Amino acid sequence: MATEEGVVIACHTKEEFYAKMGKAKETKKLVVINFTASWCGPSRSIAPVFVEFAKKYPHVVFLKVDIDELRDVAEEYEIEGVPTFHFVKGGEKIDIVVGANKDELQTKVEKHAGQPA
């Protein structure tokens, strides 16, 4: 769906999260999951950067998961601090960035996403 390209998709239910992950796995798209929390200053500060990456890499799926809202998903991904970014391709976790490190996040998005279309 074109409406989901170039945007960060906030997942509010486990079903929604797993549906997005399943669709991305089928299409072999890279997924970058931002595990965040509304009370976390660094999570809030990196959020606009994450949105910019979503616009720059429309062929990548950018998901946002609030750890307080989707505790089960956060536990499954063993999230110990926020923000934490998981890179998933073909259903496999391929990389991780812990903390609001814009440069590291950008480097890993570029590495795994390839050049923007």
Protein backbone atom coordinates (compact mmCIF):
# COMPACT_ATOMS: atom_id res chain seq x y z
CA MET A 1 0.00 0.00 0.00
CA ALA A 2 1.42 3.33 -1.06
CA THR A 3 -0.06 5.07 1.98
CA GLU A 4 2.38 3.21 4.23
CA GLU A 5 5.50 4.23 2.33
CA GLY A 6 7.64 6.97 3.77
CA VAL A 7 5.91 7.00 7.14
CA VAL A 8 6.50 5.60 10.60
CA ILE A 9 3.73 3.15 11.45
CA ALA A 10 2.79 3.16 15.12
CA CYS A 11 1.59 -0.27 16.24
CA HIS A 12 -1.01 -0.16 19.00
CA THR A 13 -1.92 -3.86 19.20
CA LYS A 14 0.07 -7.09 19.02
CA GLU A 15 -2.09 -8.18 16.09
CA GLU A 16 -1.25 -5.01 14.17
CA PHE A 17 2.46 -5.45 14.90
CA TYR A 18 2.55 -9.10 13.81
CA ALA A 19 0.49 -8.32 10.68
CA LYS A 20 3.02 -5.64 9.63
CA MET A 21 5.94 -7.97 10.40
CA GLY A 22 4.33 -10.82 8.44
CA LYS A 23 3.69 -8.61 5.42
CA ALA A 24 7.28 -7.31 5.48
CA LYS A 25 8.62 -10.87 5.72
CA GLU A 26 6.57 -11.91 2.66
CA THR A 27 7.86 -8.97 0.62
CA LYS A 28 11.40 -9.40 2.01
CA LYS A 29 11.49 -5.78 3.10
CA LEU A 30 13.80 -4.50 5.79
CA VAL A 31 11.93 -3.56 8.97
CA VAL A 32 13.34 -1.09 11.49
CA ILE A 33 11.45 -1.21 14.79
CA ASN A 34 11.75 1.73 17.17
CA PHE A 35 11.02 0.51 20.69
CA THR A 36 10.14 3.70 22.53
CA ALA A 37 8.35 5.12 25.56
CA SER A 38 6.37 8.34 25.90
CA TRP A 39 8.16 9.22 29.16
CA CYS A 40 11.66 8.80 27.69
CA GLY A 41 13.46 12.02 26.70
CA PRO A 42 15.97 10.34 24.32
CA SER A 43 13.09 8.45 22.65
CA ARG A 44 11.32 11.76 22.02
CA SER A 45 14.50 13.43 20.74
CA ILE A 46 15.27 10.69 18.17
CA ALA A 47 11.64 10.40 16.93
CA PRO A 48 11.91 13.18 14.29
CA VAL A 49 15.13 11.58 12.98
CA PHE A 50 13.30 8.24 12.64
CA VAL A 51 10.56 10.01 10.66
CA GLU A 52 13.19 11.55 8.35
CA PHE A 53 14.66 8.10 7.69
CA ALA A 54 11.18 6.79 6.86
CA LYS A 55 10.83 9.53 4.23
CA LYS A 56 14.34 8.96 2.86
CA TYR A 57 13.95 5.16 2.64
CA PRO A 58 10.35 4.50 1.46
CA HIS A 59 11.30 0.90 0.56
CA VAL A 60 11.96 0.15 4.27
CA VAL A 61 9.19 -0.50 6.83
CA PHE A 62 9.57 1.73 9.90
CA LEU A 63 7.53 0.62 12.92
CA LYS A 64 7.15 2.30 16.29
CA VAL A 65 6.31 0.25 19.38
CA ASP A 66 5.61 1.84 22.77
CA ILE A 67 7.02 -0.60 25.32
CA ASP A 68 4.35 0.33 27.87
CA GLU A 69 1.55 -0.24 25.36
CA LEU A 70 2.90 -3.50 23.88
CA ARG A 71 4.76 -5.08 26.80
CA ASP A 72 4.55 -8.58 25.29
CA VAL A 73 6.29 -7.48 22.09
CA ALA A 74 8.95 -5.59 24.08
CA GLU A 75 9.57 -8.70 26.19
CA GLU A 76 9.77 -10.92 23.11
CA TYR A 77 12.47 -8.63 21.68
CA GLU A 78 14.20 -8.49 25.09
CA ILE A 79 14.09 -4.70 25.29
CA GLU A 80 16.05 -3.50 28.32
CA GLY A 81 16.21 0.21 27.54
CA VAL A 82 14.67 2.77 25.23
CA PRO A 83 15.07 3.80 22.59
CA THR A 84 16.16 0.50 21.06
CA PHE A 85 16.06 -0.12 17.33
CA HIS A 86 15.82 -3.63 15.89
CA PHE A 87 16.58 -4.37 12.24
CA VAL A 88 14.65 -7.37 10.90
CA LYS A 89 14.77 -8.90 7.43
CA GLY A 90 13.06 -12.10 6.36
CA GLY A 91 11.86 -12.60 9.92
CA GLU A 92 15.43 -12.63 11.27
CA LYS A 93 16.93 -10.01 13.61
CA ILE A 94 20.01 -8.79 11.76
CA ASP A 95 21.12 -5.78 13.81
CA ILE A 96 20.35 -3.56 16.79
CA VAL A 97 21.04 -0.01 17.96
CA VAL A 98 20.55 0.83 21.63
CA GLY A 99 20.14 4.48 22.55
CA ALA A 100 19.38 7.69 20.68
CA ASN A 101 22.54 7.57 18.57
CA LYS A 102 21.57 9.28 15.31
CA ASP A 103 24.88 8.54 13.54
CA GLU A 104 24.91 4.84 14.42
CA LEU A 105 21.25 4.52 13.48
CA GLN A 106 21.83 6.24 10.13
CA THR A 107 24.88 4.06 9.39
CA LYS A 108 22.95 0.85 10.06
CA VAL A 109 19.85 1.96 8.12
CA GLU A 110 22.10 2.77 5.13
CA LYS A 111 24.00 -0.51 5.51
CA HIS A 112 20.90 -2.71 5.56
CA ALA A 113 18.52 -0.68 3.38
CA GLY A 114 20.85 0.01 0.49
CA GLN A 115 20.57 3.28 -1.35
CA PRO A 116 17.29 5.19 -1.22
CA ALA A 117 15.20 4.67 -4.34
